[in-house]
Amino acid sequence: MSIDPDLLELLVCPACREELCLKEAPERLVCAGCRRSYPIKDGIPVLLVEEATLEAGEGSKQSA
């Protein structure tokens, strides 16, 4: 199940207000700023900081 592109343009990270990018396998939204990864359950993004995990990658901030 995919997120509507128009909805994706409106969504921002609840922790830092940066844009979110859709990633596959598993389907999730990843913040471009703080690198938090928000799960998508049954086609609905769960934008709770408590539910987020940190993505590994360049420039990721591990102190949250």
C-alpha atoms as a PDB file:
ATOM      1  CA  MET A   1       0.000   0.000   0.000  1.00  0.00           C
ATOM      2  CA  SER A   2       1.396   3.384  -0.902  1.00  0.00           C
ATOM      3  CA  ILE A   3       0.956   6.869   0.518  1.00  0.00           C
ATOM      4  CA  ASP A   4      -0.824   9.429  -1.659  1.00  0.00           C
ATOM      5  CA  PRO A   5       1.881  11.763  -3.113  1.00  0.00           C
ATOM      6  CA  ASP A   6      -0.228  14.832  -2.244  1.00  0.00           C
ATOM      7  CA  LEU A   7      -0.397  13.723   1.391  1.00  0.00           C
ATOM      8  CA  LEU A   8       3.324  12.981   1.452  1.00  0.00           C
ATOM      9  CA  GLU A   9       4.060  16.585   0.413  1.00  0.00           C
ATOM     10  CA  LEU A  10       2.171  17.851   3.488  1.00  0.00           C
ATOM     11  CA  LEU A  11       3.740  15.545   6.073  1.00  0.00           C
ATOM     12  CA  VAL A  12       6.744  16.654   8.135  1.00  0.00           C
ATOM     13  CA  CYS A  13       8.731  15.047  10.930  1.00  0.00           C
ATOM     14  CA  PRO A  14       7.024  15.716  14.270  1.00  0.00           C
ATOM     15  CA  ALA A  15      10.433  15.918  15.986  1.00  0.00           C
ATOM     16  CA  CYS A  16      12.283  18.442  13.808  1.00  0.00           C
ATOM     17  CA  ARG A  17       9.784  19.573  11.107  1.00  0.00           C
ATOM     18  CA  GLU A  18      11.963  18.438   8.161  1.00  0.00           C
ATOM     19  CA  GLU A  19      10.496  16.699   5.100  1.00  0.00           C
ATOM     20  CA  LEU A  20       9.800  12.976   5.080  1.00  0.00           C
ATOM     21  CA  CYS A  21      10.821  10.552   2.317  1.00  0.00           C
ATOM     22  CA  LEU A  22       9.006   7.324   1.523  1.00  0.00           C
ATOM     23  CA  LYS A  23      11.227   4.218   1.728  1.00  0.00           C
ATOM     24  CA  GLU A  24      10.370   0.632   0.802  1.00  0.00           C
ATOM     25  CA  ALA A  25      10.986  -2.774   2.390  1.00  0.00           C
ATOM     26  CA  PRO A  26       9.736  -2.238   4.990  1.00  0.00           C
ATOM     27  CA  GLU A  27       7.543   0.676   3.998  1.00  0.00           C
ATOM     28  CA  ARG A  28       8.327   3.654   6.217  1.00  0.00           C
ATOM     29  CA  LEU A  29       8.807   7.427   6.220  1.00  0.00           C
ATOM     30  CA  VAL A  30      12.333   8.668   6.906  1.00  0.00           C
ATOM     31  CA  CYS A  31      13.146  12.218   8.012  1.00  0.00           C
ATOM     32  CA  ALA A  32      15.706  14.050   5.872  1.00  0.00           C
ATOM     33  CA  GLY A  33      16.914  15.992   8.926  1.00  0.00           C
ATOM     34  CA  CYS A  34      17.107  13.841  12.049  1.00  0.00           C
ATOM     35  CA  ARG A  35      16.953  10.458  10.195  1.00  0.00           C
ATOM     36  CA  ARG A  36      14.055   9.149  12.303  1.00  0.00           C
ATOM     37  CA  SER A  37      12.139   6.346  10.608  1.00  0.00           C
ATOM     38  CA  TYR A  38       8.372   6.247  11.113  1.00  0.00           C
ATOM     39  CA  PRO A  39       6.516   2.992  10.407  1.00  0.00           C
ATOM     40  CA  ILE A  40       3.528   2.726   8.078  1.00  0.00           C
ATOM     41  CA  LYS A  41       0.909   0.321   9.421  1.00  0.00           C
ATOM     42  CA  ASP A  42      -2.018  -0.724   7.219  1.00  0.00           C
ATOM     43  CA  GLY A  43      -1.296   2.210   4.899  1.00  0.00           C
ATOM     44  CA  ILE A  44      -1.323   4.765   7.738  1.00  0.00           C
ATOM     45  CA  PRO A  45       1.881   6.572   8.778  1.00  0.00           C
ATOM     46  CA  VAL A  46       2.484   6.375  12.529  1.00  0.00           C
ATOM     47  CA  LEU A  47       4.045   9.796  13.182  1.00  0.00           C
ATOM     48  CA  LEU A  48       4.766   9.363  16.867  1.00  0.00           C
ATOM     49  CA  VAL A  49       8.302  10.137  18.021  1.00  0.00           C
ATOM     50  CA  GLU A  50       8.005   7.271  20.526  1.00  0.00           C
ATOM     51  CA  GLU A  51       7.380   4.813  17.649  1.00  0.00           C
ATOM     52  CA  ALA A  52      10.288   6.076  15.511  1.00  0.00           C
ATOM     53  CA  THR A  53      13.666   4.424  15.127  1.00  0.00           C
ATOM     54  CA  LEU A  54      16.904   6.029  13.949  1.00  0.00           C
ATOM     55  CA  GLU A  55      18.128   5.181  10.452  1.00  0.00           C
ATOM     56  CA  ALA A  56      21.814   4.511   9.951  1.00  0.00           C
ATOM     57  CA  GLY A  57      23.523   6.666   7.363  1.00  0.00           C
ATOM     58  CA  GLU A  58      25.782   9.601   6.732  1.00  0.00           C
ATOM     59  CA  GLY A  59      25.133  12.570   8.953  1.00  0.00           C
ATOM     60  CA  SER A  60      22.694  10.756  11.192  1.00  0.00           C
ATOM     61  CA  LYS A  61      22.385  12.181  14.673  1.00  0.00           C
ATOM     62  CA  GLN A  62      22.422   9.449  17.292  1.00  0.00           C
ATOM     63  CA  SER A  63      21.621  11.749  20.219  1.00  0.00           C
ATOM     64  CA  ALA A  64      17.882  12.202  20.392  1.00  0.00           C
END
